[in-house]
Amino acid sequence: MEIWFDALSIFEKIYWIIACVASIIFIVLLILTLLGGGDDLDGDIDAEIESDTGIEFQFLSFKNLVGFFTIFGWSGIASLDADLPKYLVVVISIICGLIMMFAMASLFYYLARLQSSGTLKLANAINQVGEVYLTIGANRSKVGKVSITVQGTLRELDALTEELIDLTQGNVVCVTKITDNGILIVELLNK
């Protein structure tokens, strides 16, 4: 192995070192990611943020750089084995590395968009149809409960009504508004 490495030119040695080191780091990252330990390697900080800034497209991150250098090294070695001129080897390596970075950034971006925070936004309940679970008193006299699908999940939420009669279990209702303290105001759907 040592004789083979000594026989390489400086240019070839650089590509082999980049390819091998980046591949080892890439494999370690892959194993950590599969085991669930590589989540914070891109500098993500778990913090509570009041406003949702959205998901950014992160082209320059640690994982993307590792992917760049891995593909850069191996495509360079393949180009050297094809006896291409050195300038063409560098150009091909850089282009392949950038394509890899873009592909990884796109993949992580679209996977992150699939995540759901799970935070219930009561405003999404307006105009939704549900069913009374616990009796709701007439003219906002007694808080009851309704079973309603909000954000794709069936939930039991507190509710009041402005109807002149009590709404009993099984009545179909529609959410008209939400109070300041998060209680749904519902009306009977089939009067």
N, C-alpha and C. Protein backbone atom coordinates (compact mmCIF):
# COMPACT_ATOMS: atom_id res chain seq x y z
N MET A 1 0.83 -1.19 0.00
CA MET A 1 0.00 0.00 0.00
C MET A 1 0.87 1.25 0.00
N GLU A 2 1.90 1.25 0.82
CA GLU A 2 2.79 2.41 0.92
C GLU A 2 3.55 2.63 -0.38
N ILE A 3 3.96 1.55 -1.03
CA ILE A 3 4.68 1.66 -2.30
C ILE A 3 3.75 2.25 -3.37
N TRP A 4 2.49 1.78 -3.37
CA TRP A 4 1.52 2.30 -4.34
C TRP A 4 1.30 3.79 -4.13
N PHE A 5 1.14 4.22 -2.84
CA PHE A 5 0.88 5.63 -2.56
C PHE A 5 2.09 6.49 -2.90
N ASP A 6 3.30 5.99 -2.65
CA ASP A 6 4.52 6.76 -2.98
C ASP A 6 4.69 6.93 -4.48
N ALA A 7 4.15 5.99 -5.26
CA ALA A 7 4.29 6.06 -6.72
C ALA A 7 3.35 7.09 -7.35
N LEU A 8 2.36 7.57 -6.60
CA LEU A 8 1.42 8.55 -7.13
C LEU A 8 2.05 9.94 -7.20
N SER A 9 1.54 10.75 -8.12
CA SER A 9 1.99 12.15 -8.19
C SER A 9 1.33 12.93 -7.06
N ILE A 10 1.80 14.13 -6.80
CA ILE A 10 1.23 14.99 -5.74
C ILE A 10 -0.25 15.24 -6.03
N PHE A 11 -0.58 15.51 -7.28
CA PHE A 11 -1.95 15.78 -7.69
C PHE A 11 -2.86 14.60 -7.35
N GLU A 12 -2.40 13.38 -7.67
CA GLU A 12 -3.18 12.18 -7.38
C GLU A 12 -3.28 11.93 -5.87
N LYS A 13 -2.21 12.19 -5.14
CA LYS A 13 -2.22 12.00 -3.69
C LYS A 13 -3.27 12.91 -3.04
N ILE A 14 -3.34 14.16 -3.51
CA ILE A 14 -4.31 15.11 -2.96
C ILE A 14 -5.73 14.57 -3.15
N TYR A 15 -6.02 14.08 -4.36
CA TYR A 15 -7.36 13.55 -4.61
C TYR A 15 -7.65 12.31 -3.77
N TRP A 16 -6.68 11.43 -3.62
CA TRP A 16 -6.89 10.23 -2.81
C TRP A 16 -7.10 10.58 -1.34
N ILE A 17 -6.35 11.52 -0.82
CA ILE A 17 -6.50 11.92 0.59
C ILE A 17 -7.88 12.55 0.81
N ILE A 18 -8.26 13.48 -0.09
CA ILE A 18 -9.58 14.11 0.03
C ILE A 18 -10.68 13.07 -0.03
N ALA A 19 -10.61 12.15 -1.00
CA ALA A 19 -11.65 11.14 -1.17
C ALA A 19 -11.75 10.22 0.04
N CYS A 20 -10.62 9.76 0.55
CA CYS A 20 -10.64 8.82 1.68
C CYS A 20 -11.10 9.48 2.97
N VAL A 21 -10.56 10.65 3.29
CA VAL A 21 -10.95 11.33 4.53
C VAL A 21 -12.43 11.71 4.48
N ALA A 22 -12.87 12.29 3.38
CA ALA A 22 -14.29 12.68 3.25
C ALA A 22 -15.20 11.46 3.30
N SER A 23 -14.78 10.35 2.70
CA SER A 23 -15.60 9.14 2.73
C SER A 23 -15.73 8.59 4.14
N ILE A 24 -14.66 8.63 4.91
CA ILE A 24 -14.73 8.15 6.30
C ILE A 24 -15.68 9.02 7.11
N ILE A 25 -15.57 10.34 6.97
CA ILE A 25 -16.46 11.25 7.69
C ILE A 25 -17.90 11.03 7.22
N PHE A 26 -18.10 10.83 5.91
CA PHE A 26 -19.42 10.60 5.36
C PHE A 26 -20.04 9.33 5.96
N ILE A 27 -19.26 8.27 6.07
CA ILE A 27 -19.76 7.01 6.64
C ILE A 27 -20.12 7.18 8.12
N VAL A 28 -19.28 7.92 8.86
CA VAL A 28 -19.57 8.18 10.28
C VAL A 28 -20.88 8.97 10.40
N LEU A 29 -21.03 10.01 9.57
CA LEU A 29 -22.27 10.81 9.58
C LEU A 29 -23.48 9.95 9.24
N LEU A 30 -23.33 9.07 8.27
CA LEU A 30 -24.42 8.19 7.87
C LEU A 30 -24.84 7.29 9.02
N ILE A 31 -23.86 6.71 9.70
CA ILE A 31 -24.16 5.83 10.84
C ILE A 31 -24.82 6.63 11.96
N LEU A 32 -24.29 7.83 12.26
CA LEU A 32 -24.90 8.66 13.29
C LEU A 32 -26.33 9.06 12.94
N THR A 33 -26.56 9.37 11.68
CA THR A 33 -27.89 9.75 11.25
C THR A 33 -28.85 8.58 11.37
N LEU A 34 -28.42 7.38 10.98
CA LEU A 34 -29.28 6.20 11.09
C LEU A 34 -29.57 5.84 12.54
N LEU A 35 -28.62 6.13 13.43
CA LEU A 35 -28.83 5.86 14.86
C LEU A 35 -29.52 7.00 15.57
N GLY A 36 -29.72 8.12 14.86
CA GLY A 36 -30.43 9.26 15.45
C GLY A 36 -29.54 10.24 16.17
N GLY A 37 -28.24 10.16 16.00
CA GLY A 37 -27.34 11.05 16.73
C GLY A 37 -26.77 12.18 15.90
N GLY A 38 -27.08 12.25 14.63
CA GLY A 38 -26.47 13.26 13.78
C GLY A 38 -27.36 14.44 13.48
N ASP A 39 -28.36 14.69 14.34
CA ASP A 39 -29.33 15.74 14.05
C ASP A 39 -28.75 17.14 14.21
N ASP A 40 -27.84 17.34 15.15
CA ASP A 40 -27.36 18.69 15.45
C ASP A 40 -26.02 19.01 14.79
N LEU A 41 -25.63 18.27 13.77
CA LEU A 41 -24.33 18.50 13.16
C LEU A 41 -24.29 19.70 12.22
N ASP A 42 -25.44 20.23 11.87
CA ASP A 42 -25.46 21.40 11.00
C ASP A 42 -25.64 22.69 11.78
N GLY A 43 -25.43 22.62 13.08
CA GLY A 43 -25.52 23.83 13.88
C GLY A 43 -26.94 24.20 14.27
N ASP A 44 -27.88 23.26 14.16
CA ASP A 44 -29.24 23.54 14.58
C ASP A 44 -29.27 23.65 16.10
N ILE A 45 -29.96 24.64 16.59
CA ILE A 45 -30.08 24.83 18.03
C ILE A 45 -31.53 24.70 18.40
N ASP A 46 -31.81 23.86 19.40
CA ASP A 46 -33.18 23.72 19.86
C ASP A 46 -33.51 24.90 20.74
N ALA A 47 -34.40 25.74 20.29
CA ALA A 47 -34.82 26.90 21.06
C ALA A 47 -36.28 27.18 20.75
N GLU A 48 -36.93 27.79 21.71
CA GLU A 48 -38.32 28.15 21.47
C GLU A 48 -38.36 29.50 20.79
N ILE A 49 -38.96 29.55 19.64
CA ILE A 49 -39.03 30.77 18.86
C ILE A 49 -40.49 31.14 18.71
N GLU A 50 -40.81 32.39 18.99
CA GLU A 50 -42.20 32.83 18.95
C GLU A 50 -42.79 32.84 17.55
N SER A 51 -42.00 33.23 16.55
CA SER A 51 -42.53 33.31 15.19
C SER A 51 -41.91 32.22 14.33
N ASP A 52 -42.68 31.76 13.39
CA ASP A 52 -42.20 30.72 12.48
C ASP A 52 -41.55 31.39 11.29
N THR A 53 -40.23 31.21 11.16
CA THR A 53 -39.51 31.85 10.06
C THR A 53 -39.49 30.97 8.83
N GLY A 54 -40.01 29.78 8.93
CA GLY A 54 -40.02 28.89 7.78
C GLY A 54 -38.76 28.04 7.74
N ILE A 55 -38.66 27.23 6.73
CA ILE A 55 -37.54 26.33 6.57
C ILE A 55 -36.65 26.90 5.48
N GLU A 56 -35.40 27.13 5.83
CA GLU A 56 -34.48 27.71 4.88
C GLU A 56 -33.83 26.62 4.02
N PHE A 57 -33.45 27.02 2.82
CA PHE A 57 -32.69 26.14 1.94
C PHE A 57 -31.22 26.36 2.29
N GLN A 58 -30.60 25.38 2.97
CA GLN A 58 -29.23 25.53 3.45
C GLN A 58 -28.28 24.81 2.50
N PHE A 59 -27.70 25.60 1.60
CA PHE A 59 -26.76 25.03 0.64
C PHE A 59 -25.42 24.74 1.30
N LEU A 60 -25.01 25.61 2.21
CA LEU A 60 -23.71 25.48 2.85
C LEU A 60 -23.89 24.97 4.27
N SER A 61 -23.69 23.68 4.46
CA SER A 61 -23.78 23.07 5.79
C SER A 61 -22.68 22.01 5.89
N PHE A 62 -22.44 21.52 7.10
CA PHE A 62 -21.38 20.54 7.30
C PHE A 62 -21.62 19.27 6.49
N LYS A 63 -22.86 18.77 6.53
CA LYS A 63 -23.17 17.54 5.78
C LYS A 63 -23.00 17.75 4.28
N ASN A 64 -23.41 18.90 3.79
CA ASN A 64 -23.27 19.18 2.37
C ASN A 64 -21.80 19.31 1.97
N LEU A 65 -20.98 19.91 2.83
CA LEU A 65 -19.54 20.01 2.53
C LEU A 65 -18.88 18.64 2.51
N VAL A 66 -19.27 17.79 3.42
CA VAL A 66 -18.74 16.42 3.42
C VAL A 66 -19.14 15.71 2.14
N GLY A 67 -20.40 15.87 1.73
CA GLY A 67 -20.86 15.29 0.46
C GLY A 67 -20.08 15.85 -0.72
N PHE A 68 -19.83 17.16 -0.71
CA PHE A 68 -19.07 17.79 -1.79
C PHE A 68 -17.68 17.17 -1.90
N PHE A 69 -16.96 17.12 -0.78
CA PHE A 69 -15.59 16.61 -0.83
C PHE A 69 -15.54 15.12 -1.14
N THR A 70 -16.52 14.36 -0.72
CA THR A 70 -16.55 12.93 -1.05
C THR A 70 -16.69 12.75 -2.56
N ILE A 71 -17.67 13.40 -3.16
CA ILE A 71 -17.88 13.27 -4.60
C ILE A 71 -16.76 13.95 -5.38
N PHE A 72 -16.28 15.08 -4.88
CA PHE A 72 -15.15 15.78 -5.49
C PHE A 72 -13.96 14.83 -5.62
N GLY A 73 -13.62 14.17 -4.52
CA GLY A 73 -12.46 13.27 -4.52
C GLY A 73 -12.63 12.07 -5.43
N TRP A 74 -13.76 11.40 -5.33
CA TRP A 74 -13.95 10.18 -6.12
C TRP A 74 -14.15 10.47 -7.61
N SER A 75 -14.83 11.56 -7.94
CA SER A 75 -14.96 11.90 -9.36
C SER A 75 -13.61 12.35 -9.93
N GLY A 76 -12.79 13.00 -9.10
CA GLY A 76 -11.44 13.36 -9.54
C GLY A 76 -10.58 12.15 -9.79
N ILE A 77 -10.66 11.16 -8.91
CA ILE A 77 -9.89 9.92 -9.10
C ILE A 77 -10.35 9.20 -10.36
N ALA A 78 -11.66 9.16 -10.58
CA ALA A 78 -12.18 8.52 -11.79
C ALA A 78 -11.71 9.25 -13.03
N SER A 79 -11.69 10.58 -12.96
CA SER A 79 -11.22 11.37 -14.11
C SER A 79 -9.73 11.17 -14.35
N LEU A 80 -8.96 11.05 -13.28
CA LEU A 80 -7.52 10.80 -13.42
C LEU A 80 -7.27 9.43 -14.04
N ASP A 81 -8.07 8.45 -13.65
CA ASP A 81 -7.94 7.11 -14.23
C ASP A 81 -8.29 7.09 -15.71
N ALA A 82 -9.11 8.05 -16.14
CA ALA A 82 -9.48 8.15 -17.55
C ALA A 82 -8.46 8.96 -18.34
N ASP A 83 -7.33 9.32 -17.70
CA ASP A 83 -6.24 10.08 -18.32
C ASP A 83 -6.69 11.41 -18.90
N LEU A 84 -7.58 12.10 -18.20
CA LEU A 84 -8.01 13.43 -18.62
C LEU A 84 -6.97 14.45 -18.15
N PRO A 85 -6.90 15.60 -18.84
CA PRO A 85 -5.97 16.65 -18.40
C PRO A 85 -6.34 17.16 -17.01
N LYS A 86 -5.34 17.66 -16.28
CA LYS A 86 -5.54 18.07 -14.88
C LYS A 86 -6.61 19.16 -14.75
N TYR A 87 -6.61 20.14 -15.67
CA TYR A 87 -7.61 21.21 -15.56
C TYR A 87 -9.03 20.65 -15.70
N LEU A 88 -9.18 19.66 -16.59
CA LEU A 88 -10.49 19.04 -16.79
C LEU A 88 -10.90 18.20 -15.57
N VAL A 89 -9.91 17.55 -14.95
CA VAL A 89 -10.17 16.77 -13.74
C VAL A 89 -10.72 17.69 -12.64
N VAL A 90 -10.10 18.86 -12.47
CA VAL A 90 -10.54 19.81 -11.44
C VAL A 90 -11.95 20.32 -11.75
N VAL A 91 -12.20 20.67 -13.02
CA VAL A 91 -13.50 21.19 -13.42
C VAL A 91 -14.59 20.13 -13.18
N ILE A 92 -14.34 18.90 -13.62
CA ILE A 92 -15.31 17.82 -13.44
C ILE A 92 -15.56 17.55 -11.95
N SER A 93 -14.50 17.56 -11.16
CA SER A 93 -14.64 17.31 -9.71
C SER A 93 -15.49 18.38 -9.05
N ILE A 94 -15.23 19.64 -9.39
CA ILE A 94 -15.99 20.73 -8.78
C ILE A 94 -17.46 20.67 -9.19
N ILE A 95 -17.71 20.42 -10.46
CA ILE A 95 -19.10 20.33 -10.93
C ILE A 95 -19.84 19.17 -10.24
N CYS A 96 -19.20 18.02 -10.16
CA CYS A 96 -19.83 16.87 -9.50
C CYS A 96 -20.07 17.15 -8.02
N GLY A 97 -19.12 17.78 -7.36
CA GLY A 97 -19.28 18.13 -5.95
C GLY A 97 -20.42 19.11 -5.73
N LEU A 98 -20.54 20.12 -6.60
CA LEU A 98 -21.62 21.10 -6.48
C LEU A 98 -22.98 20.46 -6.73
N ILE A 99 -23.03 19.54 -7.69
CA ILE A 99 -24.29 18.83 -7.95
C ILE A 99 -24.69 18.03 -6.71
N MET A 100 -23.72 17.40 -6.06
CA MET A 100 -23.99 16.63 -4.84
C MET A 100 -24.48 17.55 -3.73
N MET A 101 -23.84 18.71 -3.56
CA MET A 101 -24.27 19.67 -2.54
C MET A 101 -25.70 20.12 -2.78
N PHE A 102 -26.02 20.44 -4.03
CA PHE A 102 -27.36 20.90 -4.36
C PHE A 102 -28.39 19.79 -4.11
N ALA A 103 -28.04 18.56 -4.48
CA ALA A 103 -28.95 17.43 -4.28
C ALA A 103 -29.20 17.19 -2.79
N MET A 104 -28.14 17.24 -1.98
CA MET A 104 -28.30 17.02 -0.54
C MET A 104 -29.08 18.16 0.11
N ALA A 105 -28.78 19.40 -0.28
CA ALA A 105 -29.51 20.55 0.29
C ALA A 105 -30.99 20.45 -0.07
N SER A 106 -31.29 20.07 -1.30
CA SER A 106 -32.69 19.92 -1.72
C SER A 106 -33.38 18.81 -0.94
N LEU A 107 -32.70 17.70 -0.77
CA LEU A 107 -33.26 16.57 -0.04
C LEU A 107 -33.58 16.96 1.40
N PHE A 108 -32.63 17.58 2.10
CA PHE A 108 -32.85 17.97 3.48
C PHE A 108 -33.94 19.04 3.59
N TYR A 109 -34.00 19.94 2.61
CA TYR A 109 -35.02 20.98 2.60
C TYR A 109 -36.42 20.38 2.49
N TYR A 110 -36.60 19.48 1.53
CA TYR A 110 -37.92 18.89 1.32
C TYR A 110 -38.30 17.92 2.44
N LEU A 111 -37.33 17.23 3.02
CA LEU A 111 -37.63 16.36 4.15
C LEU A 111 -38.04 17.18 5.37
N ALA A 112 -37.38 18.33 5.58
CA ALA A 112 -37.72 19.19 6.71
C ALA A 112 -39.11 19.78 6.55
N ARG A 113 -39.53 20.02 5.33
CA ARG A 113 -40.87 20.58 5.09
C ARG A 113 -41.96 19.57 5.40
N LEU A 114 -41.61 18.28 5.42
CA LEU A 114 -42.59 17.25 5.72
C LEU A 114 -42.90 17.16 7.22
N GLN A 115 -42.02 17.74 8.04
CA GLN A 115 -42.21 17.70 9.47
C GLN A 115 -43.39 18.57 9.87
N SER A 116 -44.04 18.17 10.93
CA SER A 116 -45.13 18.95 11.48
C SER A 116 -44.80 19.27 12.93
N SER A 117 -45.05 20.48 13.33
CA SER A 117 -44.72 20.86 14.70
C SER A 117 -45.68 20.24 15.70
N GLY A 118 -46.89 19.91 15.28
CA GLY A 118 -47.86 19.33 16.18
C GLY A 118 -48.59 20.38 17.02
N THR A 119 -48.24 21.63 16.85
CA THR A 119 -48.89 22.69 17.61
C THR A 119 -50.28 22.95 17.04
N LEU A 120 -51.27 22.92 17.93
CA LEU A 120 -52.65 23.14 17.50
C LEU A 120 -52.89 24.62 17.30
N LYS A 121 -53.38 24.99 16.13
CA LYS A 121 -53.76 26.37 15.84
C LYS A 121 -55.28 26.37 15.75
N LEU A 122 -55.91 26.89 16.79
CA LEU A 122 -57.37 26.85 16.87
C LEU A 122 -58.04 27.56 15.71
N ALA A 123 -57.37 28.53 15.10
CA ALA A 123 -57.96 29.23 13.96
C ALA A 123 -58.28 28.26 12.83
N ASN A 124 -57.58 27.13 12.77
CA ASN A 124 -57.84 26.13 11.74
C ASN A 124 -59.15 25.37 11.99
N ALA A 125 -59.76 25.56 13.16
CA ALA A 125 -61.02 24.86 13.47
C ALA A 125 -62.24 25.60 12.93
N ILE A 126 -62.08 26.87 12.60
CA ILE A 126 -63.22 27.66 12.11
C ILE A 126 -63.76 27.04 10.82
N ASN A 127 -65.08 26.91 10.75
CA ASN A 127 -65.84 26.32 9.63
C ASN A 127 -65.69 24.80 9.54
N GLN A 128 -65.08 24.18 10.53
CA GLN A 128 -64.97 22.72 10.55
C GLN A 128 -66.24 22.12 11.16
N VAL A 129 -66.62 20.96 10.70
CA VAL A 129 -67.81 20.28 11.20
C VAL A 129 -67.38 19.21 12.19
N GLY A 130 -68.11 19.13 13.30
CA GLY A 130 -67.79 18.15 14.32
C GLY A 130 -69.06 17.61 14.95
N GLU A 131 -68.87 16.84 16.03
CA GLU A 131 -70.00 16.22 16.71
C GLU A 131 -69.89 16.51 18.19
N VAL A 132 -71.03 16.81 18.82
CA VAL A 132 -71.04 17.08 20.25
C VAL A 132 -70.70 15.80 21.00
N TYR A 133 -69.76 15.93 21.93
CA TYR A 133 -69.31 14.79 22.73
C TYR A 133 -69.90 14.87 24.14
N LEU A 134 -69.84 16.06 24.74
CA LEU A 134 -70.47 16.33 26.03
C LEU A 134 -71.43 17.49 25.85
N THR A 135 -72.59 17.43 26.48
CA THR A 135 -73.65 18.42 26.31
C THR A 135 -73.14 19.85 26.47
N ILE A 136 -73.55 20.71 25.53
CA ILE A 136 -73.20 22.13 25.54
C ILE A 136 -74.46 22.90 25.91
N GLY A 137 -74.37 23.74 26.96
CA GLY A 137 -75.54 24.49 27.44
C GLY A 137 -75.95 25.59 26.49
N ALA A 138 -77.26 25.83 26.42
CA ALA A 138 -77.82 26.88 25.56
C ALA A 138 -77.34 28.26 26.02
N ASN A 139 -77.26 29.20 25.10
CA ASN A 139 -76.87 30.60 25.37
C ASN A 139 -75.58 30.71 26.19
N ARG A 140 -74.62 29.91 25.89
CA ARG A 140 -73.30 29.93 26.55
C ARG A 140 -73.40 29.67 28.06
N SER A 141 -74.37 28.87 28.47
CA SER A 141 -74.56 28.62 29.90
C SER A 141 -73.65 27.53 30.45
N LYS A 142 -73.21 26.60 29.61
CA LYS A 142 -72.39 25.48 30.10
C LYS A 142 -71.41 25.06 29.01
N VAL A 143 -70.16 24.94 29.41
CA VAL A 143 -69.12 24.49 28.47
C VAL A 143 -69.26 22.99 28.27
N GLY A 144 -69.29 22.59 27.01
CA GLY A 144 -69.32 21.17 26.67
C GLY A 144 -68.10 20.82 25.84
N LYS A 145 -68.16 19.68 25.19
CA LYS A 145 -67.03 19.26 24.34
C LYS A 145 -67.55 18.80 22.99
N VAL A 146 -66.72 19.05 21.96
CA VAL A 146 -67.02 18.55 20.62
C VAL A 146 -65.85 17.72 20.12
N SER A 147 -66.15 16.72 19.33
CA SER A 147 -65.12 15.94 18.63
C SER A 147 -65.03 16.53 17.23
N ILE A 148 -63.83 16.99 16.89
CA ILE A 148 -63.66 17.69 15.61
C ILE A 148 -62.26 17.41 15.06
N THR A 149 -62.18 17.33 13.75
CA THR A 149 -60.88 17.11 13.12
C THR A 149 -60.25 18.46 12.79
N VAL A 150 -59.10 18.71 13.41
CA VAL A 150 -58.35 19.95 13.18
C VAL A 150 -56.93 19.55 12.81
N GLN A 151 -56.43 20.09 11.70
CA GLN A 151 -55.08 19.82 11.22
C GLN A 151 -54.84 18.32 11.05
N GLY A 152 -55.87 17.61 10.60
CA GLY A 152 -55.73 16.19 10.29
C GLY A 152 -55.82 15.26 11.48
N THR A 153 -56.12 15.80 12.67
CA THR A 153 -56.20 14.97 13.86
C THR A 153 -57.54 15.17 14.56
N LEU A 154 -58.17 14.08 14.96
CA LEU A 154 -59.44 14.17 15.69
C LEU A 154 -59.14 14.60 17.11
N ARG A 155 -59.81 15.67 17.55
CA ARG A 155 -59.57 16.23 18.88
C ARG A 155 -60.90 16.46 19.60
N GLU A 156 -60.84 16.46 20.93
CA GLU A 156 -61.98 16.82 21.75
C GLU A 156 -61.67 18.18 22.35
N LEU A 157 -62.46 19.19 21.97
CA LEU A 157 -62.20 20.56 22.40
C LEU A 157 -63.40 21.14 23.12
N ASP A 158 -63.13 22.08 24.05
CA ASP A 158 -64.19 22.77 24.78
C ASP A 158 -65.00 23.62 23.81
N ALA A 159 -66.33 23.70 24.07
CA ALA A 159 -67.19 24.45 23.16
C ALA A 159 -68.35 25.09 23.90
N LEU A 160 -68.81 26.20 23.36
CA LEU A 160 -70.01 26.90 23.81
C LEU A 160 -70.90 27.10 22.59
N THR A 161 -72.18 27.41 22.86
CA THR A 161 -73.08 27.69 21.74
C THR A 161 -73.96 28.89 22.07
N GLU A 162 -74.43 29.55 21.05
CA GLU A 162 -75.38 30.66 21.20
C GLU A 162 -76.79 30.22 20.81
N GLU A 163 -76.95 28.90 20.60
CA GLU A 163 -78.26 28.33 20.27
C GLU A 163 -79.19 28.48 21.47
N LEU A 164 -80.50 28.44 21.25
CA LEU A 164 -81.49 28.59 22.31
C LEU A 164 -81.77 27.27 23.04
N ILE A 165 -81.23 26.18 22.52
CA ILE A 165 -81.42 24.86 23.15
C ILE A 165 -80.05 24.24 23.44
N ASP A 166 -80.05 23.31 24.41
CA ASP A 166 -78.82 22.58 24.70
C ASP A 166 -78.46 21.70 23.50
N LEU A 167 -77.19 21.59 23.24
CA LEU A 167 -76.72 20.67 22.19
C LEU A 167 -76.25 19.41 22.89
N THR A 168 -76.85 18.27 22.50
CA THR A 168 -76.56 17.01 23.18
C THR A 168 -75.66 16.12 22.34
N GLN A 169 -75.20 15.07 22.99
CA GLN A 169 -74.30 14.14 22.34
C GLN A 169 -74.89 13.64 21.02
N GLY A 170 -74.07 13.69 19.97
CA GLY A 170 -74.49 13.23 18.66
C GLY A 170 -74.93 14.34 17.73
N ASN A 171 -75.24 15.55 18.26
CA ASN A 171 -75.60 16.67 17.39
C ASN A 171 -74.40 17.05 16.52
N VAL A 172 -74.69 17.33 15.25
CA VAL A 172 -73.64 17.76 14.32
C VAL A 172 -73.58 19.28 14.37
N VAL A 173 -72.36 19.81 14.58
CA VAL A 173 -72.18 21.25 14.74
C VAL A 173 -71.08 21.76 13.82
N CYS A 174 -71.10 23.09 13.62
CA CYS A 174 -70.07 23.75 12.83
C CYS A 174 -69.46 24.85 13.70
N VAL A 175 -68.16 25.00 13.66
CA VAL A 175 -67.47 26.03 14.45
C VAL A 175 -67.61 27.36 13.73
N THR A 176 -68.10 28.38 14.44
CA THR A 176 -68.28 29.70 13.83
C THR A 176 -67.18 30.67 14.23
N LYS A 177 -66.74 30.60 15.48
CA LYS A 177 -65.65 31.47 15.95
C LYS A 177 -65.00 30.86 17.17
N ILE A 178 -63.97 31.56 17.66
CA ILE A 178 -63.21 31.08 18.82
C ILE A 178 -63.10 32.23 19.80
N THR A 179 -63.32 31.95 21.09
CA THR A 179 -63.20 32.99 22.10
C THR A 179 -61.73 33.30 22.37
N ASP A 180 -61.50 34.38 23.11
CA ASP A 180 -60.12 34.76 23.44
C ASP A 180 -59.41 33.72 24.30
N ASN A 181 -60.16 32.96 25.08
CA ASN A 181 -59.53 31.94 25.93
C ASN A 181 -59.54 30.55 25.28
N GLY A 182 -59.79 30.47 23.98
CA GLY A 182 -59.63 29.24 23.23
C GLY A 182 -60.80 28.29 23.25
N ILE A 183 -61.99 28.76 23.55
CA ILE A 183 -63.17 27.91 23.52
C ILE A 183 -63.90 28.12 22.19
N LEU A 184 -64.29 27.01 21.56
CA LEU A 184 -64.98 27.09 20.28
C LEU A 184 -66.42 27.53 20.46
N ILE A 185 -66.91 28.37 19.57
CA ILE A 185 -68.33 28.73 19.52
C ILE A 185 -68.90 27.96 18.33
N VAL A 186 -69.90 27.12 18.63
CA VAL A 186 -70.47 26.25 17.60
C VAL A 186 -71.94 26.53 17.41
N GLU A 187 -72.43 26.16 16.23
CA GLU A 187 -73.86 26.25 15.97
C GLU A 187 -74.33 24.91 15.42
N LEU A 188 -75.58 24.61 15.66
CA LEU A 188 -76.18 23.37 15.19
C LEU A 188 -76.22 23.39 13.67
N LEU A 189 -75.76 22.33 13.04
CA LEU A 189 -75.70 22.29 11.58
C LEU A 189 -77.06 22.01 10.97
N ASN A 190 -77.79 21.05 11.50
CA ASN A 190 -79.11 20.69 10.96
C ASN A 190 -80.18 21.18 11.93
N LYS A 191 -80.68 22.38 11.69
CA LYS A 191 -81.69 22.96 12.60
C LYS A 191 -83.06 22.47 12.26
